[in-house]
Amino acid sequence: MIKLKSSHILLRALTTEDLDFLELVENDEHLWYLSDTLQPFSRPILKEYLDNSHKDIYEAKQMRLVIALHNKQPIGFIDLYDFDPKNKRAGLGIIILEDYQSKGYGTEALELMLDYAYDVLDLHQLFASIIEENKRSLKLFKSFGFEIIGLKKDWRYNSGHFQSEYLLQKIENVH
């Protein structure tokens, strides 16, 4: 049974009603370094993205779900990217608005997505890239068994300085 709901949050598909939230997150200059974005996205481009978000992960090679409170308030996104069904792996990323961080929502979202990735998509491994300074994300992913397998030195240039980025991996041994 697919379970995308916990005691405080739910993971749901993007809808056209998410346009304002998507614009807020994607056009926040402080978050651009996460996706190597260099300029804001226009509403028509974001609407087109929403219109195509229904594509199956096997076709799009990625999947973005909204992290929402039970009152439907969106608080973040969780993504599977670089989906590779042949090799049974995908990248995993999560972003939660600052006002909702350190409240356990990331833990619940990550747990739900891990269950989905391993049980529904039958993945063998997930990987994540986290900048060295992001201690909270590192702690979160490590608490779910992700291991640091490498450090990409001076990998990202952000706000006038280089940042190193850890590569983490979680291999599911149940299969």
C-alpha atoms as a PDB file:
ATOM      1  CA  MET A   1       0.000   0.000   0.000  1.00  0.00           C
ATOM      2  CA  ILE A   2       1.326   3.423  -0.965  1.00  0.00           C
ATOM      3  CA  LYS A   3       1.570   5.628   2.095  1.00  0.00           C
ATOM      4  CA  LEU A   4       2.340   9.269   1.454  1.00  0.00           C
ATOM      5  CA  LYS A   5       0.841  10.617   4.650  1.00  0.00           C
ATOM      6  CA  SER A   6       2.166  10.812   8.209  1.00  0.00           C
ATOM      7  CA  SER A   7       0.832  12.285  11.427  1.00  0.00           C
ATOM      8  CA  HIS A   8       1.709  15.879  10.466  1.00  0.00           C
ATOM      9  CA  ILE A   9       2.284  16.035   6.703  1.00  0.00           C
ATOM     10  CA  LEU A  10       1.373  14.531   3.376  1.00  0.00           C
ATOM     11  CA  LEU A  11       3.279  14.254   0.133  1.00  0.00           C
ATOM     12  CA  ARG A  12       1.100  15.074  -2.841  1.00  0.00           C
ATOM     13  CA  ALA A  13       1.370  15.729  -6.551  1.00  0.00           C
ATOM     14  CA  LEU A  14       1.763  19.250  -7.851  1.00  0.00           C
ATOM     15  CA  THR A  15      -1.440  20.952  -8.985  1.00  0.00           C
ATOM     16  CA  THR A  16      -2.166  24.189 -10.834  1.00  0.00           C
ATOM     17  CA  GLU A  17      -3.013  25.728  -7.446  1.00  0.00           C
ATOM     18  CA  ASP A  18       0.681  25.397  -6.520  1.00  0.00           C
ATOM     19  CA  LEU A  19       1.795  28.061  -9.013  1.00  0.00           C
ATOM     20  CA  ASP A  20       2.242  30.799  -6.385  1.00  0.00           C
ATOM     21  CA  PHE A  21       4.145  28.465  -4.047  1.00  0.00           C
ATOM     22  CA  LEU A  22       6.324  27.153  -6.869  1.00  0.00           C
ATOM     23  CA  GLU A  23       7.116  30.724  -7.899  1.00  0.00           C
ATOM     24  CA  LEU A  24       7.965  31.647  -4.300  1.00  0.00           C
ATOM     25  CA  VAL A  25      10.436  28.777  -3.901  1.00  0.00           C
ATOM     26  CA  GLU A  26      11.953  28.715  -7.395  1.00  0.00           C
ATOM     27  CA  ASN A  27      12.479  32.483  -7.464  1.00  0.00           C
ATOM     28  CA  ASP A  28      14.011  32.770  -3.992  1.00  0.00           C
ATOM     29  CA  GLU A  29      17.553  33.904  -4.846  1.00  0.00           C
ATOM     30  CA  HIS A  30      18.868  32.430  -1.586  1.00  0.00           C
ATOM     31  CA  LEU A  31      17.959  28.943  -2.842  1.00  0.00           C
ATOM     32  CA  TRP A  32      19.286  29.218  -6.385  1.00  0.00           C
ATOM     33  CA  TYR A  33      22.611  27.626  -5.507  1.00  0.00           C
ATOM     34  CA  LEU A  34      20.776  24.368  -4.773  1.00  0.00           C
ATOM     35  CA  SER A  35      19.806  23.942  -8.409  1.00  0.00           C
ATOM     36  CA  ASP A  36      22.436  26.074 -10.147  1.00  0.00           C
ATOM     37  CA  THR A  37      19.739  28.580 -11.108  1.00  0.00           C
ATOM     38  CA  LEU A  38      21.047  31.909 -12.371  1.00  0.00           C
ATOM     39  CA  GLN A  39      17.838  33.827 -13.086  1.00  0.00           C
ATOM     40  CA  PRO A  40      14.198  33.914 -12.018  1.00  0.00           C
ATOM     41  CA  PHE A  41      11.573  31.808 -13.750  1.00  0.00           C
ATOM     42  CA  SER A  42       8.590  33.532 -15.354  1.00  0.00           C
ATOM     43  CA  ARG A  43       5.050  32.542 -14.379  1.00  0.00           C
ATOM     44  CA  PRO A  44       4.372  31.120 -17.876  1.00  0.00           C
ATOM     45  CA  ILE A  45       7.457  28.873 -17.626  1.00  0.00           C
ATOM     46  CA  LEU A  46       6.436  27.695 -14.154  1.00  0.00           C
ATOM     47  CA  LYS A  47       2.864  27.105 -15.357  1.00  0.00           C
ATOM     48  CA  GLU A  48       4.229  25.014 -18.223  1.00  0.00           C
ATOM     49  CA  TYR A  49       6.272  23.027 -15.689  1.00  0.00           C
ATOM     50  CA  LEU A  50       3.102  22.424 -13.652  1.00  0.00           C
ATOM     51  CA  ASP A  51       1.190  21.422 -16.773  1.00  0.00           C
ATOM     52  CA  ASN A  52       3.827  18.748 -17.458  1.00  0.00           C
ATOM     53  CA  SER A  53       4.284  17.608 -13.859  1.00  0.00           C
ATOM     54  CA  HIS A  54       1.789  14.789 -14.380  1.00  0.00           C
ATOM     55  CA  LYS A  55       4.332  12.855 -16.445  1.00  0.00           C
ATOM     56  CA  ASP A  56       5.279   9.470 -15.098  1.00  0.00           C
ATOM     57  CA  ILE A  57       8.671   9.236 -13.382  1.00  0.00           C
ATOM     58  CA  TYR A  58       9.703   6.626 -15.960  1.00  0.00           C
ATOM     59  CA  GLU A  59       9.135   9.183 -18.724  1.00  0.00           C
ATOM     60  CA  ALA A  60      10.309  12.371 -16.997  1.00  0.00           C
ATOM     61  CA  LYS A  61      13.161  10.727 -15.024  1.00  0.00           C
ATOM     62  CA  GLN A  62      12.182  12.903 -12.067  1.00  0.00           C
ATOM     63  CA  MET A  63       9.315  13.429  -9.660  1.00  0.00           C
ATOM     64  CA  ARG A  64       8.545  16.385  -7.442  1.00  0.00           C
ATOM     65  CA  LEU A  65       6.013  16.125  -4.634  1.00  0.00           C
ATOM     66  CA  VAL A  66       4.683  18.919  -2.464  1.00  0.00           C
ATOM     67  CA  ILE A  67       5.259  18.569   1.266  1.00  0.00           C
ATOM     68  CA  ALA A  68       2.035  19.885   2.782  1.00  0.00           C
ATOM     69  CA  LEU A  69       0.526  20.125   6.220  1.00  0.00           C
ATOM     70  CA  HIS A  70      -2.794  18.347   6.712  1.00  0.00           C
ATOM     71  CA  ASN A  71      -4.562  21.718   6.323  1.00  0.00           C
ATOM     72  CA  LYS A  72      -3.167  21.647   2.733  1.00  0.00           C
ATOM     73  CA  GLN A  73      -0.603  24.430   3.436  1.00  0.00           C
ATOM     74  CA  PRO A  74       2.458  23.701   1.249  1.00  0.00           C
ATOM     75  CA  ILE A  75       5.719  23.958   3.184  1.00  0.00           C
ATOM     76  CA  GLY A  76       8.261  22.465   0.782  1.00  0.00           C
ATOM     77  CA  PHE A  77       9.137  20.035  -1.959  1.00  0.00           C
ATOM     78  CA  ILE A  78      10.767  16.626  -2.078  1.00  0.00           C
ATOM     79  CA  ASP A  79      12.269  15.437  -5.339  1.00  0.00           C
ATOM     80  CA  LEU A  80      13.532  12.288  -6.930  1.00  0.00           C
ATOM     81  CA  TYR A  81      15.823  13.181  -9.837  1.00  0.00           C
ATOM     82  CA  ASP A  82      18.205  11.432 -12.221  1.00  0.00           C
ATOM     83  CA  PHE A  83      15.874   8.441 -11.944  1.00  0.00           C
ATOM     84  CA  ASP A  84      17.590   5.416 -13.439  1.00  0.00           C
ATOM     85  CA  PRO A  85      15.259   2.391 -13.394  1.00  0.00           C
ATOM     86  CA  LYS A  86      17.792   0.109 -15.112  1.00  0.00           C
ATOM     87  CA  ASN A  87      20.319   0.599 -12.322  1.00  0.00           C
ATOM     88  CA  LYS A  88      17.584   1.082  -9.683  1.00  0.00           C
ATOM     89  CA  ARG A  89      18.780   4.438  -8.343  1.00  0.00           C
ATOM     90  CA  ALA A  90      17.774   8.075  -8.051  1.00  0.00           C
ATOM     91  CA  GLY A  91      18.883  11.307  -6.474  1.00  0.00           C
ATOM     92  CA  LEU A  92      16.885  12.693  -3.579  1.00  0.00           C
ATOM     93  CA  GLY A  93      16.484  16.317  -2.584  1.00  0.00           C
ATOM     94  CA  ILE A  94      14.314  18.150  -0.090  1.00  0.00           C
ATOM     95  CA  ILE A  95      13.559  21.803   0.572  1.00  0.00           C
ATOM     96  CA  ILE A  96      11.407  23.097   3.401  1.00  0.00           C
ATOM     97  CA  LEU A  97      10.595  26.763   3.914  1.00  0.00           C
ATOM     98  CA  GLU A  98      12.641  28.259   6.731  1.00  0.00           C
ATOM     99  CA  ASP A  99       9.609  28.907   8.983  1.00  0.00           C
ATOM    100  CA  TYR A 100       8.846  25.166   8.978  1.00  0.00           C
ATOM    101  CA  GLN A 101      12.368  23.818   9.483  1.00  0.00           C
ATOM    102  CA  SER A 102      13.453  22.013  12.684  1.00  0.00           C
ATOM    103  CA  LYS A 103       9.893  20.892  13.429  1.00  0.00           C
ATOM    104  CA  GLY A 104      10.228  17.260  12.287  1.00  0.00           C
ATOM    105  CA  TYR A 105       8.552  17.773   8.904  1.00  0.00           C
ATOM    106  CA  GLY A 106      11.727  16.939   6.994  1.00  0.00           C
ATOM    107  CA  THR A 107      12.108  13.718   8.949  1.00  0.00           C
ATOM    108  CA  GLU A 108       8.545  12.684   8.152  1.00  0.00           C
ATOM    109  CA  ALA A 109       8.864  13.637   4.472  1.00  0.00           C
ATOM    110  CA  LEU A 110      12.142  11.773   4.066  1.00  0.00           C
ATOM    111  CA  GLU A 111      10.738   8.664   5.743  1.00  0.00           C
ATOM    112  CA  LEU A 112       7.693   8.671   3.450  1.00  0.00           C
ATOM    113  CA  MET A 113       9.816   9.181   0.330  1.00  0.00           C
ATOM    114  CA  LEU A 114      12.275   6.452   1.296  1.00  0.00           C
ATOM    115  CA  ASP A 115       9.403   4.000   1.741  1.00  0.00           C
ATOM    116  CA  TYR A 116       7.996   5.025  -1.647  1.00  0.00           C
ATOM    117  CA  ALA A 117      11.354   4.829  -3.426  1.00  0.00           C
ATOM    118  CA  TYR A 118      12.255   1.411  -2.070  1.00  0.00           C
ATOM    119  CA  ASP A 119       8.836  -0.256  -1.822  1.00  0.00           C
ATOM    120  CA  VAL A 120       6.996   1.179  -4.841  1.00  0.00           C
ATOM    121  CA  LEU A 121       9.764   2.079  -7.297  1.00  0.00           C
ATOM    122  CA  ASP A 122      11.887  -0.882  -6.171  1.00  0.00           C
ATOM    123  CA  LEU A 123      15.059   1.201  -6.042  1.00  0.00           C
ATOM    124  CA  HIS A 124      18.295  -0.241  -4.717  1.00  0.00           C
ATOM    125  CA  GLN A 125      19.989   3.046  -3.876  1.00  0.00           C
ATOM    126  CA  LEU A 126      19.423   6.730  -3.368  1.00  0.00           C
ATOM    127  CA  PHE A 127      21.999   9.485  -3.398  1.00  0.00           C
ATOM    128  CA  ALA A 128      22.029  13.097  -2.256  1.00  0.00           C
ATOM    129  CA  SER A 129      24.337  16.078  -2.620  1.00  0.00           C
ATOM    130  CA  ILE A 130      24.536  18.362   0.415  1.00  0.00           C
ATOM    131  CA  ILE A 131      26.816  21.347   0.899  1.00  0.00           C
ATOM    132  CA  GLU A 132      29.333  20.959   3.686  1.00  0.00           C
ATOM    133  CA  GLU A 133      27.880  23.848   5.732  1.00  0.00           C
ATOM    134  CA  ASN A 134      24.349  22.396   5.769  1.00  0.00           C
ATOM    135  CA  LYS A 135      24.775  20.519   9.041  1.00  0.00           C
ATOM    136  CA  ARG A 136      21.014  20.022   9.589  1.00  0.00           C
ATOM    137  CA  SER A 137      20.528  18.275   6.224  1.00  0.00           C
ATOM    138  CA  LEU A 138      23.631  16.162   6.758  1.00  0.00           C
ATOM    139  CA  LYS A 139      22.350  15.098  10.183  1.00  0.00           C
ATOM    140  CA  LEU A 140      18.887  14.325   8.761  1.00  0.00           C
ATOM    141  CA  PHE A 141      20.130  12.166   5.895  1.00  0.00           C
ATOM    142  CA  LYS A 142      22.698  10.390   8.069  1.00  0.00           C
ATOM    143  CA  SER A 143      19.948   9.571  10.594  1.00  0.00           C
ATOM    144  CA  PHE A 144      18.278   7.536   7.811  1.00  0.00           C
ATOM    145  CA  GLY A 145      21.423   5.570   7.033  1.00  0.00           C
ATOM    146  CA  PHE A 146      22.878   7.701   4.243  1.00  0.00           C
ATOM    147  CA  GLU A 147      26.661   7.498   4.250  1.00  0.00           C
ATOM    148  CA  ILE A 148      29.081  10.122   3.044  1.00  0.00           C
ATOM    149  CA  ILE A 149      30.962   8.567   0.145  1.00  0.00           C
ATOM    150  CA  GLY A 150      32.816  11.604  -1.098  1.00  0.00           C
ATOM    151  CA  LEU A 151      33.522  15.305  -0.859  1.00  0.00           C
ATOM    152  CA  LYS A 152      33.493  17.455  -3.980  1.00  0.00           C
ATOM    153  CA  LYS A 153      35.833  20.292  -3.011  1.00  0.00           C
ATOM    154  CA  ASP A 154      34.929  23.849  -4.017  1.00  0.00           C
ATOM    155  CA  TRP A 155      32.026  22.379  -6.003  1.00  0.00           C
ATOM    156  CA  ARG A 156      29.557  25.283  -5.823  1.00  0.00           C
ATOM    157  CA  TYR A 157      30.201  28.992  -6.122  1.00  0.00           C
ATOM    158  CA  ASN A 158      27.710  30.918  -4.005  1.00  0.00           C
ATOM    159  CA  SER A 159      27.684  34.461  -2.644  1.00  0.00           C
ATOM    160  CA  GLY A 160      31.294  35.141  -3.536  1.00  0.00           C
ATOM    161  CA  HIS A 161      32.869  31.958  -2.234  1.00  0.00           C
ATOM    162  CA  PHE A 162      33.221  28.286  -3.077  1.00  0.00           C
ATOM    163  CA  GLN A 163      31.429  25.610  -1.099  1.00  0.00           C
ATOM    164  CA  SER A 164      32.339  21.961  -0.916  1.00  0.00           C
ATOM    165  CA  GLU A 165      29.586  19.412  -1.333  1.00  0.00           C
ATOM    166  CA  TYR A 166      29.210  15.948   0.162  1.00  0.00           C
ATOM    167  CA  LEU A 167      27.887  13.060  -1.875  1.00  0.00           C
ATOM    168  CA  LEU A 168      25.803  10.715   0.261  1.00  0.00           C
ATOM    169  CA  GLN A 169      24.415   7.308  -0.629  1.00  0.00           C
ATOM    170  CA  LYS A 170      21.966   4.862   0.909  1.00  0.00           C
ATOM    171  CA  ILE A 171      21.895   1.322  -0.408  1.00  0.00           C
ATOM    172  CA  GLU A 172      18.852  -0.763   0.454  1.00  0.00           C
ATOM    173  CA  ASN A 173      19.923  -4.321   1.144  1.00  0.00           C
ATOM    174  CA  VAL A 174      16.433  -5.817   1.359  1.00  0.00           C
ATOM    175  CA  HIS A 175      16.242  -6.798  -2.334  1.00  0.00           C
END
